[in-house]
Amino acid sequence: MSRPVVSDRFQLVVAVTAILYTTIIGCGDPGPTDAERVNVTIANLSEAALDSESFQSFFVDGSAPDESQRHRYREYFYEMDPPDISRNSATTIVRMMNAAGEVLDEQEWVFSKVDTQWKIGDAPLP
């Protein structure tokens, strides 16, 4: 049985199509953006405040609030504006709300990227 001959032109078309497809579709999920990672940090802070070690891990070394203040971070629900990100630092306005959804205060929080993780540098409360 003889094999069909594939022309050079056909092979070129297949190669170009594969390259274009990969370029257009991409090579996979790029993962969360920096803005999404900052948001996750804020979203999980209240839970992290249950445990001293976990709470400390959310902050840049040396910037975590005093242990006597840790419980206060459990008192609020947090909502943030889109962060202003510049390389390895970010700022955003964070609103602190009660369980009824009433905004009690808003403050600017500061973040630093440590390796691939966004950590809190300054997180003032009301």
PDB file of N, CA and C in Angstrom:
ATOM      1  N   MET A   1       0.832  -1.156   0.000  1.00  0.00           N
ATOM      2  CA  MET A   1       0.000   0.000   0.000  1.00  0.00           C
ATOM      3  C   MET A   1       0.891   1.237   0.000  1.00  0.00           C
ATOM      4  N   SER A   2       0.583   2.192  -0.798  1.00  0.00           N
ATOM      5  CA  SER A   2       1.416   3.392  -0.871  1.00  0.00           C
ATOM      6  C   SER A   2       0.834   4.486   0.000  1.00  0.00           C
ATOM      7  N   ARG A   3       1.742   5.274   0.602  1.00  0.00           N
ATOM      8  CA  ARG A   3       1.336   6.413   1.429  1.00  0.00           C
ATOM      9  C   ARG A   3       1.117   7.628   0.560  1.00  0.00           C
ATOM     10  N   PRO A   4       0.086   8.428   0.864  1.00  0.00           N
ATOM     11  CA  PRO A   4      -0.100   9.644   0.087  1.00  0.00           C
ATOM     12  C   PRO A   4       1.050  10.602   0.353  1.00  0.00           C
ATOM     13  N   VAL A   5       1.437  11.341  -0.636  1.00  0.00           N
ATOM     14  CA  VAL A   5       2.513  12.316  -0.526  1.00  0.00           C
ATOM     15  C   VAL A   5       1.910  13.635  -0.046  1.00  0.00           C
ATOM     16  N   VAL A   6       2.489  14.162   1.046  1.00  0.00           N
ATOM     17  CA  VAL A   6       2.030  15.439   1.583  1.00  0.00           C
ATOM     18  C   VAL A   6       2.939  16.517   1.023  1.00  0.00           C
ATOM     19  N   SER A   7       2.329  17.485   0.408  1.00  0.00           N
ATOM     20  CA  SER A   7       3.124  18.531  -0.233  1.00  0.00           C
ATOM     21  C   SER A   7       3.751  19.450   0.805  1.00  0.00           C
ATOM     22  N   ASP A   8       4.846  20.077   0.422  1.00  0.00           N
ATOM     23  CA  ASP A   8       5.505  21.057   1.284  1.00  0.00           C
ATOM     24  C   ASP A   8       4.565  22.215   1.604  1.00  0.00           C
ATOM     25  N   ARG A   9       3.762  22.574   0.628  1.00  0.00           N
ATOM     26  CA  ARG A   9       2.827  23.680   0.809  1.00  0.00           C
ATOM     27  C   ARG A   9       1.801  23.319   1.896  1.00  0.00           C
ATOM     28  N   PHE A  10       1.278  22.107   1.880  1.00  0.00           N
ATOM     29  CA  PHE A  10       0.308  21.666   2.876  1.00  0.00           C
ATOM     30  C   PHE A  10       0.941  21.658   4.267  1.00  0.00           C
ATOM     31  N   GLN A  11       2.170  21.166   4.380  1.00  0.00           N
ATOM     32  CA  GLN A  11       2.869  21.136   5.662  1.00  0.00           C
ATOM     33  C   GLN A  11       3.066  22.554   6.202  1.00  0.00           C
ATOM     34  N   LEU A  12       3.362  23.493   5.313  1.00  0.00           N
ATOM     35  CA  LEU A  12       3.542  24.889   5.706  1.00  0.00           C
ATOM     36  C   LEU A  12       2.222  25.462   6.231  1.00  0.00           C
ATOM     37  N   VAL A  13       1.123  25.196   5.536  1.00  0.00           N
ATOM     38  CA  VAL A  13      -0.190  25.686   5.960  1.00  0.00           C
ATOM     39  C   VAL A  13      -0.543  25.121   7.337  1.00  0.00           C
ATOM     40  N   VAL A  14      -0.298  23.850   7.575  1.00  0.00           N
ATOM     41  CA  VAL A  14      -0.581  23.235   8.864  1.00  0.00           C
ATOM     42  C   VAL A  14       0.269  23.876   9.964  1.00  0.00           C
ATOM     43  N   ALA A  15       1.542  24.089   9.713  1.00  0.00           N
ATOM     44  CA  ALA A  15       2.438  24.692  10.700  1.00  0.00           C
ATOM     45  C   ALA A  15       2.011  26.116  11.041  1.00  0.00           C
ATOM     46  N   VAL A  16       1.696  26.913  10.029  1.00  0.00           N
ATOM     47  CA  VAL A  16       1.280  28.296  10.252  1.00  0.00           C
ATOM     48  C   VAL A  16      -0.043  28.326  11.017  1.00  0.00           C
ATOM     49  N   THR A  17      -0.966  27.446  10.668  1.00  0.00           N
ATOM     50  CA  THR A  17      -2.253  27.383  11.368  1.00  0.00           C
ATOM     51  C   THR A  17      -2.050  27.040  12.845  1.00  0.00           C
ATOM     52  N   ALA A  18      -1.182  26.099  13.129  1.00  0.00           N
ATOM     53  CA  ALA A  18      -0.902  25.713  14.516  1.00  0.00           C
ATOM     54  C   ALA A  18      -0.295  26.874  15.296  1.00  0.00           C
ATOM     55  N   ILE A  19       0.609  27.598  14.690  1.00  0.00           N
ATOM     56  CA  ILE A  19       1.240  28.753  15.352  1.00  0.00           C
ATOM     57  C   ILE A  19       0.203  29.835  15.627  1.00  0.00           C
ATOM     58  N   LEU A  20      -0.630  30.140  14.640  1.00  0.00           N
ATOM     59  CA  LEU A  20      -1.665  31.158  14.818  1.00  0.00           C
ATOM     60  C   LEU A  20      -2.659  30.745  15.895  1.00  0.00           C
ATOM     61  N   TYR A  21      -3.059  29.498  15.884  1.00  0.00           N
ATOM     62  CA  TYR A  21      -4.008  29.008  16.874  1.00  0.00           C
ATOM     63  C   TYR A  21      -3.427  29.161  18.280  1.00  0.00           C
ATOM     64  N   THR A  22      -2.198  28.770  18.471  1.00  0.00           N
ATOM     65  CA  THR A  22      -1.547  28.879  19.771  1.00  0.00           C
ATOM     66  C   THR A  22      -1.413  30.337  20.192  1.00  0.00           C
ATOM     67  N   THR A  23      -1.101  31.213  19.248  1.00  0.00           N
ATOM     68  CA  THR A  23      -0.955  32.634  19.547  1.00  0.00           C
ATOM     69  C   THR A  23      -2.293  33.247  19.933  1.00  0.00           C
ATOM     70  N   ILE A  24      -3.343  32.916  19.200  1.00  0.00           N
ATOM     71  CA  ILE A  24      -4.655  33.502  19.451  1.00  0.00           C
ATOM     72  C   ILE A  24      -5.281  32.927  20.711  1.00  0.00           C
ATOM     73  N   ILE A  25      -5.263  31.631  20.866  1.00  0.00           N
ATOM     74  CA  ILE A  25      -5.898  30.968  21.995  1.00  0.00           C
ATOM     75  C   ILE A  25      -5.035  31.058  23.240  1.00  0.00           C
ATOM     76  N   GLY A  26      -3.752  31.045  23.099  1.00  0.00           N
ATOM     77  CA  GLY A  26      -2.849  31.087  24.238  1.00  0.00           C
ATOM     78  C   GLY A  26      -2.432  29.698  24.660  1.00  0.00           C
ATOM     79  N   CYS A  27      -1.500  29.655  25.572  1.00  0.00           N
ATOM     80  CA  CYS A  27      -0.957  28.371  26.007  1.00  0.00           C
ATOM     81  C   CYS A  27      -1.552  27.922  27.332  1.00  0.00           C
ATOM     82  N   GLY A  28      -2.609  28.565  27.764  1.00  0.00           N
ATOM     83  CA  GLY A  28      -3.227  28.161  29.022  1.00  0.00           C
ATOM     84  C   GLY A  28      -3.598  29.367  29.844  1.00  0.00           C
ATOM     85  N   ASP A  29      -4.176  29.093  30.994  1.00  0.00           N
ATOM     86  CA  ASP A  29      -4.626  30.133  31.902  1.00  0.00           C
ATOM     87  C   ASP A  29      -3.419  30.836  32.519  1.00  0.00           C
ATOM     88  N   PRO A  30      -3.343  32.170  32.388  1.00  0.00           N
ATOM     89  CA  PRO A  30      -2.201  32.885  32.957  1.00  0.00           C
ATOM     90  C   PRO A  30      -2.275  33.000  34.472  1.00  0.00           C
ATOM     91  N   GLY A  31      -3.387  32.605  35.073  1.00  0.00           N
ATOM     92  CA  GLY A  31      -3.528  32.701  36.518  1.00  0.00           C
ATOM     93  C   GLY A  31      -4.109  34.040  36.923  1.00  0.00           C
ATOM     94  N   PRO A  32      -4.282  34.236  38.220  1.00  0.00           N
ATOM     95  CA  PRO A  32      -4.884  35.481  38.685  1.00  0.00           C
ATOM     96  C   PRO A  32      -3.977  36.679  38.439  1.00  0.00           C
ATOM     97  N   THR A  33      -4.608  37.819  38.215  1.00  0.00           N
ATOM     98  CA  THR A  33      -3.862  39.061  38.030  1.00  0.00           C
ATOM     99  C   THR A  33      -3.394  39.569  39.390  1.00  0.00           C
ATOM    100  N   ASP A  34      -2.504  40.551  39.380  1.00  0.00           N
ATOM    101  CA  ASP A  34      -2.057  41.149  40.636  1.00  0.00           C
ATOM    102  C   ASP A  34      -3.238  41.771  41.381  1.00  0.00           C
ATOM    103  N   ALA A  35      -4.142  42.428  40.664  1.00  0.00           N
ATOM    104  CA  ALA A  35      -5.316  43.041  41.307  1.00  0.00           C
ATOM    105  C   ALA A  35      -6.164  41.966  41.994  1.00  0.00           C
ATOM    106  N   GLU A  36      -6.329  40.820  41.347  1.00  0.00           N
ATOM    107  CA  GLU A  36      -7.097  39.729  41.953  1.00  0.00           C
ATOM    108  C   GLU A  36      -6.385  39.176  43.183  1.00  0.00           C
ATOM    109  N   ARG A  37      -5.079  39.119  43.135  1.00  0.00           N
ATOM    110  CA  ARG A  37      -4.309  38.620  44.286  1.00  0.00           C
ATOM    111  C   ARG A  37      -4.409  39.573  45.478  1.00  0.00           C
ATOM    112  N   VAL A  38      -4.396  40.885  45.222  1.00  0.00           N
ATOM    113  CA  VAL A  38      -4.579  41.868  46.299  1.00  0.00           C
ATOM    114  C   VAL A  38      -5.971  41.684  46.898  1.00  0.00           C
ATOM    115  N   ASN A  39      -6.957  41.515  46.047  1.00  0.00           N
ATOM    116  CA  ASN A  39      -8.331  41.328  46.514  1.00  0.00           C
ATOM    117  C   ASN A  39      -8.462  40.079  47.383  1.00  0.00           C
ATOM    118  N   VAL A  40      -7.804  39.005  46.992  1.00  0.00           N
ATOM    119  CA  VAL A  40      -7.846  37.763  47.778  1.00  0.00           C
ATOM    120  C   VAL A  40      -7.222  37.988  49.157  1.00  0.00           C
ATOM    121  N   THR A  41      -6.156  38.760  49.205  1.00  0.00           N
ATOM    122  CA  THR A  41      -5.513  39.067  50.488  1.00  0.00           C
ATOM    123  C   THR A  41      -6.505  39.752  51.419  1.00  0.00           C
ATOM    124  N   ILE A  42      -7.208  40.753  50.896  1.00  0.00           N
ATOM    125  CA  ILE A  42      -8.194  41.468  51.711  1.00  0.00           C
ATOM    126  C   ILE A  42      -9.356  40.542  52.081  1.00  0.00           C
ATOM    127  N   ALA A  43      -9.827  39.777  51.130  1.00  0.00           N
ATOM    128  CA  ALA A  43     -10.978  38.904  51.366  1.00  0.00           C
ATOM    129  C   ALA A  43     -10.704  37.863  52.444  1.00  0.00           C
ATOM    130  N   ASN A  44      -9.467  37.440  52.591  1.00  0.00           N
ATOM    131  CA  ASN A  44      -9.125  36.386  53.551  1.00  0.00           C
ATOM    132  C   ASN A  44      -8.567  36.907  54.873  1.00  0.00           C
ATOM    133  N   LEU A  45      -8.436  38.220  55.001  1.00  0.00           N
ATOM    134  CA  LEU A  45      -7.825  38.786  56.198  1.00  0.00           C
ATOM    135  C   LEU A  45      -8.631  38.504  57.458  1.00  0.00           C
ATOM    136  N   SER A  46      -9.934  38.644  57.384  1.00  0.00           N
ATOM    137  CA  SER A  46     -10.774  38.414  58.558  1.00  0.00           C
ATOM    138  C   SER A  46     -10.608  36.990  59.087  1.00  0.00           C
ATOM    139  N   GLU A  47     -10.582  36.038  58.183  1.00  0.00           N
ATOM    140  CA  GLU A  47     -10.375  34.637  58.563  1.00  0.00           C
ATOM    141  C   GLU A  47      -8.978  34.436  59.154  1.00  0.00           C
ATOM    142  N   ALA A  48      -7.992  35.064  58.558  1.00  0.00           N
ATOM    143  CA  ALA A  48      -6.612  34.927  59.043  1.00  0.00           C
ATOM    144  C   ALA A  48      -6.454  35.488  60.446  1.00  0.00           C
ATOM    145  N   ALA A  49      -7.296  36.458  60.798  1.00  0.00           N
ATOM    146  CA  ALA A  49      -7.187  37.085  62.118  1.00  0.00           C
ATOM    147  C   ALA A  49      -7.585  36.149  63.255  1.00  0.00           C
ATOM    148  N   LEU A  50      -8.113  34.967  62.934  1.00  0.00           N
ATOM    149  CA  LEU A  50      -8.429  33.977  63.968  1.00  0.00           C
ATOM    150  C   LEU A  50      -7.175  33.439  64.636  1.00  0.00           C
ATOM    151  N   ASP A  51      -6.086  33.422  63.901  1.00  0.00           N
ATOM    152  CA  ASP A  51      -4.847  32.805  64.369  1.00  0.00           C
ATOM    153  C   ASP A  51      -3.696  33.804  64.233  1.00  0.00           C
ATOM    154  N   SER A  52      -2.921  33.951  65.260  1.00  0.00           N
ATOM    155  CA  SER A  52      -1.836  34.924  65.270  1.00  0.00           C
ATOM    156  C   SER A  52      -0.825  34.686  64.152  1.00  0.00           C
ATOM    157  N   GLU A  53      -0.399  33.458  63.985  1.00  0.00           N
ATOM    158  CA  GLU A  53       0.614  33.148  62.968  1.00  0.00           C
ATOM    159  C   GLU A  53       0.079  33.404  61.560  1.00  0.00           C
ATOM    160  N   SER A  54      -1.138  32.974  61.317  1.00  0.00           N
ATOM    161  CA  SER A  54      -1.757  33.200  60.011  1.00  0.00           C
ATOM    162  C   SER A  54      -1.908  34.696  59.751  1.00  0.00           C
ATOM    163  N   PHE A  55      -2.369  35.426  60.752  1.00  0.00           N
ATOM    164  CA  PHE A  55      -2.547  36.868  60.637  1.00  0.00           C
ATOM    165  C   PHE A  55      -1.219  37.551  60.285  1.00  0.00           C
ATOM    166  N   GLN A  56      -0.176  37.197  60.988  1.00  0.00           N
ATOM    167  CA  GLN A  56       1.147  37.769  60.738  1.00  0.00           C
ATOM    168  C   GLN A  56       1.608  37.511  59.308  1.00  0.00           C
ATOM    169  N   SER A  57       1.251  36.338  58.766  1.00  0.00           N
ATOM    170  CA  SER A  57       1.709  35.975  57.423  1.00  0.00           C
ATOM    171  C   SER A  57       1.076  36.840  56.327  1.00  0.00           C
ATOM    172  N   PHE A  58       0.002  37.539  56.632  1.00  0.00           N
ATOM    173  CA  PHE A  58      -0.651  38.407  55.653  1.00  0.00           C
ATOM    174  C   PHE A  58       0.042  39.759  55.532  1.00  0.00           C
ATOM    175  N   PHE A  59       0.966  40.048  56.433  1.00  0.00           N
ATOM    176  CA  PHE A  59       1.620  41.347  56.468  1.00  0.00           C
ATOM    177  C   PHE A  59       3.095  41.243  56.093  1.00  0.00           C
ATOM    178  N   VAL A  60       3.602  42.327  55.548  1.00  0.00           N
ATOM    179  CA  VAL A  60       5.039  42.446  55.303  1.00  0.00           C
ATOM    180  C   VAL A  60       5.724  42.311  56.658  1.00  0.00           C
ATOM    181  N   ASP A  61       6.858  41.616  56.697  1.00  0.00           N
ATOM    182  CA  ASP A  61       7.574  41.420  57.957  1.00  0.00           C
ATOM    183  C   ASP A  61       7.706  42.729  58.722  1.00  0.00           C
ATOM    184  N   GLY A  62       7.292  42.686  59.995  1.00  0.00           N
ATOM    185  CA  GLY A  62       7.426  43.842  60.866  1.00  0.00           C
ATOM    186  C   GLY A  62       6.294  44.859  60.765  1.00  0.00           C
ATOM    187  N   SER A  63       5.321  44.641  59.886  1.00  0.00           N
ATOM    188  CA  SER A  63       4.277  45.655  59.727  1.00  0.00           C
ATOM    189  C   SER A  63       2.909  45.223  60.263  1.00  0.00           C
ATOM    190  N   ALA A  64       2.800  44.001  60.787  1.00  0.00           N
ATOM    191  CA  ALA A  64       1.516  43.545  61.322  1.00  0.00           C
ATOM    192  C   ALA A  64       1.144  44.369  62.552  1.00  0.00           C
ATOM    193  N   PRO A  65      -0.131  44.657  62.694  1.00  0.00           N
ATOM    194  CA  PRO A  65      -0.565  45.379  63.892  1.00  0.00           C
ATOM    195  C   PRO A  65      -0.236  44.594  65.155  1.00  0.00           C
ATOM    196  N   ASP A  66      -0.174  45.299  66.251  1.00  0.00           N
ATOM    197  CA  ASP A  66       0.084  44.694  67.542  1.00  0.00           C
ATOM    198  C   ASP A  66      -0.935  43.579  67.800  1.00  0.00           C
ATOM    199  N   GLU A  67      -0.500  42.530  68.463  1.00  0.00           N
ATOM    200  CA  GLU A  67      -1.350  41.372  68.740  1.00  0.00           C
ATOM    201  C   GLU A  67      -2.659  41.774  69.432  1.00  0.00           C
ATOM    202  N   SER A  68      -2.621  42.800  70.239  1.00  0.00           N
ATOM    203  CA  SER A  68      -3.837  43.237  70.938  1.00  0.00           C
ATOM    204  C   SER A  68      -4.874  43.816  69.966  1.00  0.00           C
ATOM    205  N   GLN A  69      -4.469  44.149  68.743  1.00  0.00           N
ATOM    206  CA  GLN A  69      -5.371  44.711  67.737  1.00  0.00           C
ATOM    207  C   GLN A  69      -5.892  43.667  66.748  1.00  0.00           C
ATOM    208  N   ARG A  70      -5.325  42.470  66.778  1.00  0.00           N
ATOM    209  CA  ARG A  70      -5.675  41.443  65.782  1.00  0.00           C
ATOM    210  C   ARG A  70      -7.179  41.173  65.736  1.00  0.00           C
ATOM    211  N   HIS A  71      -7.823  41.057  66.876  1.00  0.00           N
ATOM    212  CA  HIS A  71      -9.263  40.752  66.913  1.00  0.00           C
ATOM    213  C   HIS A  71     -10.103  41.799  66.181  1.00  0.00           C
ATOM    214  N   ARG A  72      -9.640  43.032  66.124  1.00  0.00           N
ATOM    215  CA  ARG A  72     -10.402  44.097  65.461  1.00  0.00           C
ATOM    216  C   ARG A  72     -10.573  43.831  63.964  1.00  0.00           C
ATOM    217  N   TYR A  73      -9.640  43.113  63.349  1.00  0.00           N
ATOM    218  CA  TYR A  73      -9.729  42.819  61.916  1.00  0.00           C
ATOM    219  C   TYR A  73     -10.825  41.791  61.609  1.00  0.00           C
ATOM    220  N   ARG A  74     -11.359  41.143  62.658  1.00  0.00           N
ATOM    221  CA  ARG A  74     -12.482  40.214  62.491  1.00  0.00           C
ATOM    222  C   ARG A  74     -13.823  40.950  62.559  1.00  0.00           C
ATOM    223  N   GLU A  75     -13.815  42.181  63.012  1.00  0.00           N
ATOM    224  CA  GLU A  75     -15.053  42.926  63.223  1.00  0.00           C
ATOM    225  C   GLU A  75     -15.690  43.440  61.932  1.00  0.00           C
ATOM    226  N   TYR A  76     -14.956  43.441  60.841  1.00  0.00           N
ATOM    227  CA  TYR A  76     -15.421  44.107  59.625  1.00  0.00           C
ATOM    228  C   TYR A  76     -15.495  43.158  58.431  1.00  0.00           C
ATOM    229  N   PHE A  77     -16.319  43.574  57.489  1.00  0.00           N
ATOM    230  CA  PHE A  77     -16.298  43.022  56.147  1.00  0.00           C
ATOM    231  C   PHE A  77     -15.581  44.061  55.310  1.00  0.00           C
ATOM    232  N   TYR A  78     -14.801  43.618  54.338  1.00  0.00           N
ATOM    233  CA  TYR A  78     -13.975  44.537  53.555  1.00  0.00           C
ATOM    234  C   TYR A  78     -14.381  44.533  52.092  1.00  0.00           C
ATOM    235  N   GLU A  79     -14.340  45.718  51.520  1.00  0.00           N
ATOM    236  CA  GLU A  79     -14.584  45.890  50.085  1.00  0.00           C
ATOM    237  C   GLU A  79     -13.546  46.882  49.591  1.00  0.00           C
ATOM    238  N   MET A  80     -12.981  46.620  48.428  1.00  0.00           N
ATOM    239  CA  MET A  80     -11.905  47.495  47.949  1.00  0.00           C
ATOM    240  C   MET A  80     -12.211  48.061  46.578  1.00  0.00           C
ATOM    241  N   ASP A  81     -11.603  49.217  46.307  1.00  0.00           N
ATOM    242  CA  ASP A  81     -11.596  49.773  44.963  1.00  0.00           C
ATOM    243  C   ASP A  81     -10.526  49.038  44.166  1.00  0.00           C
ATOM    244  N   PRO A  82     -10.550  49.139  42.842  1.00  0.00           N
ATOM    245  CA  PRO A  82      -9.449  48.537  42.072  1.00  0.00           C
ATOM    246  C   PRO A  82      -8.117  49.131  42.551  1.00  0.00           C
ATOM    247  N   PRO A  83      -7.136  48.287  42.798  1.00  0.00           N
ATOM    248  CA  PRO A  83      -5.864  48.787  43.319  1.00  0.00           C
ATOM    249  C   PRO A  83      -5.046  49.516  42.256  1.00  0.00           C
ATOM    250  N   ASP A  84      -4.267  50.467  42.727  1.00  0.00           N
ATOM    251  CA  ASP A  84      -3.292  51.156  41.892  1.00  0.00           C
ATOM    252  C   ASP A  84      -1.974  50.412  42.090  1.00  0.00           C
ATOM    253  N   ILE A  85      -1.554  49.679  41.070  1.00  0.00           N
ATOM    254  CA  ILE A  85      -0.384  48.807  41.187  1.00  0.00           C
ATOM    255  C   ILE A  85       0.771  49.378  40.379  1.00  0.00           C
ATOM    256  N   SER A  86       1.933  49.433  41.019  1.00  0.00           N
ATOM    257  CA  SER A  86       3.160  49.878  40.365  1.00  0.00           C
ATOM    258  C   SER A  86       4.267  48.905  40.751  1.00  0.00           C
ATOM    259  N   ARG A  87       4.582  48.022  39.820  1.00  0.00           N
ATOM    260  CA  ARG A  87       5.572  46.960  40.044  1.00  0.00           C
ATOM    261  C   ARG A  87       5.256  46.121  41.257  1.00  0.00           C
ATOM    262  N   ASN A  88       5.983  46.335  42.353  1.00  0.00           N
ATOM    263  CA  ASN A  88       5.827  45.503  43.544  1.00  0.00           C
ATOM    264  C   ASN A  88       5.130  46.214  44.693  1.00  0.00           C
ATOM    265  N   SER A  89       4.413  47.288  44.382  1.00  0.00           N
ATOM    266  CA  SER A  89       3.659  47.977  45.423  1.00  0.00           C
ATOM    267  C   SER A  89       2.270  48.312  44.890  1.00  0.00           C
ATOM    268  N   ALA A  90       1.347  48.435  45.822  1.00  0.00           N
ATOM    269  CA  ALA A  90      -0.033  48.745  45.438  1.00  0.00           C
ATOM    270  C   ALA A  90      -0.702  49.513  46.566  1.00  0.00           C
ATOM    271  N   THR A  91      -1.651  50.328  46.183  1.00  0.00           N
ATOM    272  CA  THR A  91      -2.504  51.010  47.153  1.00  0.00           C
ATOM    273  C   THR A  91      -3.948  50.852  46.679  1.00  0.00           C
ATOM    274  N   THR A  92      -4.851  50.862  47.621  1.00  0.00           N
ATOM    275  CA  THR A  92      -6.268  50.821  47.288  1.00  0.00           C
ATOM    276  C   THR A  92      -7.075  51.384  48.446  1.00  0.00           C
ATOM    277  N   ILE A  93      -8.244  51.864  48.134  1.00  0.00           N
ATOM    278  CA  ILE A  93      -9.172  52.300  49.173  1.00  0.00           C
ATOM    279  C   ILE A  93      -9.962  51.070  49.615  1.00  0.00           C
ATOM    280  N   VAL A  94      -9.961  50.832  50.911  1.00  0.00           N
ATOM    281  CA  VAL A  94     -10.688  49.697  51.488  1.00  0.00           C
ATOM    282  C   VAL A  94     -11.796  50.262  52.370  1.00  0.00           C
ATOM    283  N   ARG A  95     -13.006  49.774  52.104  1.00  0.00           N
ATOM    284  CA  ARG A  95     -14.152  50.141  52.922  1.00  0.00           C
ATOM    285  C   ARG A  95     -14.395  49.065  53.967  1.00  0.00           C
ATOM    286  N   MET A  96     -14.563  49.494  55.210  1.00  0.00           N
ATOM    287  CA  MET A  96     -14.873  48.593  56.305  1.00  0.00           C
ATOM    288  C   MET A  96     -16.373  48.691  56.555  1.00  0.00           C
ATOM    289  N   MET A  97     -17.044  47.531  56.517  1.00  0.00           N
ATOM    290  CA  MET A  97     -18.497  47.504  56.659  1.00  0.00           C
ATOM    291  C   MET A  97     -18.905  46.589  57.802  1.00  0.00           C
ATOM    292  N   ASN A  98     -20.086  46.873  58.355  1.00  0.00           N
ATOM    293  CA  ASN A  98     -20.628  45.983  59.381  1.00  0.00           C
ATOM    294  C   ASN A  98     -21.423  44.865  58.714  1.00  0.00           C
ATOM    295  N   ALA A  99     -22.000  43.985  59.510  1.00  0.00           N
ATOM    296  CA  ALA A  99     -22.731  42.832  58.967  1.00  0.00           C
ATOM    297  C   ALA A  99     -23.950  43.244  58.149  1.00  0.00           C
ATOM    298  N   ALA A 100     -24.480  44.433  58.397  1.00  0.00           N
ATOM    299  CA  ALA A 100     -25.637  44.922  57.647  1.00  0.00           C
ATOM    300  C   ALA A 100     -25.226  45.547  56.311  1.00  0.00           C
ATOM    301  N   GLY A 101     -23.919  45.617  56.051  1.00  0.00           N
ATOM    302  CA  GLY A 101     -23.434  46.191  54.801  1.00  0.00           C
ATOM    303  C   GLY A 101     -23.257  47.696  54.828  1.00  0.00           C
ATOM    304  N   GLU A 102     -23.389  48.289  56.004  1.00  0.00           N
ATOM    305  CA  GLU A 102     -23.196  49.736  56.130  1.00  0.00           C
ATOM    306  C   GLU A 102     -21.707  50.052  56.178  1.00  0.00           C
ATOM    307  N   VAL A 103     -21.296  51.019  55.375  1.00  0.00           N
ATOM    308  CA  VAL A 103     -19.890  51.428  55.367  1.00  0.00           C
ATOM    309  C   VAL A 103     -19.625  52.250  56.622  1.00  0.00           C
ATOM    310  N   LEU A 104     -18.673  51.795  57.415  1.00  0.00           N
ATOM    311  CA  LEU A 104     -18.319  52.474  58.652  1.00  0.00           C
ATOM    312  C   LEU A 104     -17.161  53.440  58.457  1.00  0.00           C
ATOM    313  N   ASP A 105     -16.283  53.096  57.532  1.00  0.00           N
ATOM    314  CA  ASP A 105     -15.109  53.939  57.273  1.00  0.00           C
ATOM    315  C   ASP A 105     -14.444  53.445  55.997  1.00  0.00           C
ATOM    316  N   GLU A 106     -13.595  54.264  55.444  1.00  0.00           N
ATOM    317  CA  GLU A 106     -12.739  53.821  54.344  1.00  0.00           C
ATOM    318  C   GLU A 106     -11.357  54.422  54.544  1.00  0.00           C
ATOM    319  N   GLN A 107     -10.379  53.601  54.238  1.00  0.00           N
ATOM    320  CA  GLN A 107      -8.980  53.974  54.449  1.00  0.00           C
ATOM    321  C   GLN A 107      -8.147  53.498  53.258  1.00  0.00           C
ATOM    322  N   GLU A 108      -7.019  54.155  53.046  1.00  0.00           N
ATOM    323  CA  GLU A 108      -6.086  53.679  52.025  1.00  0.00           C
ATOM    324  C   GLU A 108      -5.180  52.636  52.658  1.00  0.00           C
ATOM    325  N   TRP A 109      -5.120  51.472  52.022  1.00  0.00           N
ATOM    326  CA  TRP A 109      -4.237  50.399  52.468  1.00  0.00           C
ATOM    327  C   TRP A 109      -3.091  50.279  51.474  1.00  0.00           C
ATOM    328  N   VAL A 110      -1.945  49.850  51.986  1.00  0.00           N
ATOM    329  CA  VAL A 110      -0.727  49.727  51.190  1.00  0.00           C
ATOM    330  C   VAL A 110      -0.295  48.260  51.172  1.00  0.00           C
ATOM    331  N   PHE A 111       0.148  47.805  49.999  1.00  0.00           N
ATOM    332  CA  PHE A 111       0.565  46.417  49.812  1.00  0.00           C
ATOM    333  C   PHE A 111       1.939  46.367  49.164  1.00  0.00           C
ATOM    334  N   SER A 112       2.648  45.286  49.425  1.00  0.00           N
ATOM    335  CA  SER A 112       3.928  45.021  48.770  1.00  0.00           C
ATOM    336  C   SER A 112       3.919  43.585  48.268  1.00  0.00           C
ATOM    337  N   LYS A 113       4.501  43.404  47.106  1.00  0.00           N
ATOM    338  CA  LYS A 113       4.612  42.064  46.548  1.00  0.00           C
ATOM    339  C   LYS A 113       5.891  41.430  47.075  1.00  0.00           C
ATOM    340  N   VAL A 114       5.734  40.327  47.781  1.00  0.00           N
ATOM    341  CA  VAL A 114       6.855  39.591  48.339  1.00  0.00           C
ATOM    342  C   VAL A 114       6.881  38.260  47.610  1.00  0.00           C
ATOM    343  N   ASP A 115       7.917  38.056  46.801  1.00  0.00           N
ATOM    344  CA  ASP A 115       7.970  36.931  45.872  1.00  0.00           C
ATOM    345  C   ASP A 115       6.748  37.046  44.951  1.00  0.00           C
ATOM    346  N   THR A 116       5.817  36.124  45.011  1.00  0.00           N
ATOM    347  CA  THR A 116       4.627  36.213  44.154  1.00  0.00           C
ATOM    348  C   THR A 116       3.377  36.537  44.959  1.00  0.00           C
ATOM    349  N   GLN A 117       3.532  36.775  46.255  1.00  0.00           N
ATOM    350  CA  GLN A 117       2.388  36.993  47.130  1.00  0.00           C
ATOM    351  C   GLN A 117       2.280  38.455  47.529  1.00  0.00           C
ATOM    352  N   TRP A 118       1.057  38.993  47.485  1.00  0.00           N
ATOM    353  CA  TRP A 118       0.815  40.359  47.931  1.00  0.00           C
ATOM    354  C   TRP A 118       0.558  40.349  49.428  1.00  0.00           C
ATOM    355  N   LYS A 119       1.330  41.186  50.135  1.00  0.00           N
ATOM    356  CA  LYS A 119       1.202  41.291  51.598  1.00  0.00           C
ATOM    357  C   LYS A 119       0.868  42.723  51.955  1.00  0.00           C
ATOM    358  N   ILE A 120       0.243  42.867  53.107  1.00  0.00           N
ATOM    359  CA  ILE A 120      -0.208  44.177  53.583  1.00  0.00           C
ATOM    360  C   ILE A 120       0.958  44.882  54.262  1.00  0.00           C
ATOM    361  N   GLY A 121       1.156  46.135  53.870  1.00  0.00           N
ATOM    362  CA  GLY A 121       2.169  46.967  54.510  1.00  0.00           C
ATOM    363  C   GLY A 121       1.563  47.888  55.550  1.00  0.00           C
ATOM    364  N   ASP A 122       0.348  48.359  55.268  1.00  0.00           N
ATOM    365  CA  ASP A 122      -0.341  49.253  56.188  1.00  0.00           C
ATOM    366  C   ASP A 122      -1.845  49.074  55.982  1.00  0.00           C
ATOM    367  N   ALA A 123      -2.562  48.772  57.064  1.00  0.00           N
ATOM    368  CA  ALA A 123      -4.002  48.521  56.969  1.00  0.00           C
ATOM    369  C   ALA A 123      -4.721  49.205  58.130  1.00  0.00           C
ATOM    370  N   PRO A 124      -4.851  50.526  58.073  1.00  0.00           N
ATOM    371  CA  PRO A 124      -5.510  51.227  59.176  1.00  0.00           C
ATOM    372  C   PRO A 124      -7.004  50.899  59.269  1.00  0.00           C
ATOM    373  N   LEU A 125      -7.492  50.828  60.495  1.00  0.00           N
ATOM    374  CA  LEU A 125      -8.913  50.613  60.761  1.00  0.00           C
ATOM    375  C   LEU A 125      -9.497  51.890  61.342  1.00  0.00           C
ATOM    376  N   PRO A 126     -10.838  51.968  61.406  1.00  0.00           N
ATOM    377  CA  PRO A 126     -11.455  53.169  61.996  1.00  0.00           C
ATOM    378  C   PRO A 126     -11.152  53.286  63.477  1.00  0.00           C
TER     379      PRO A 126
END
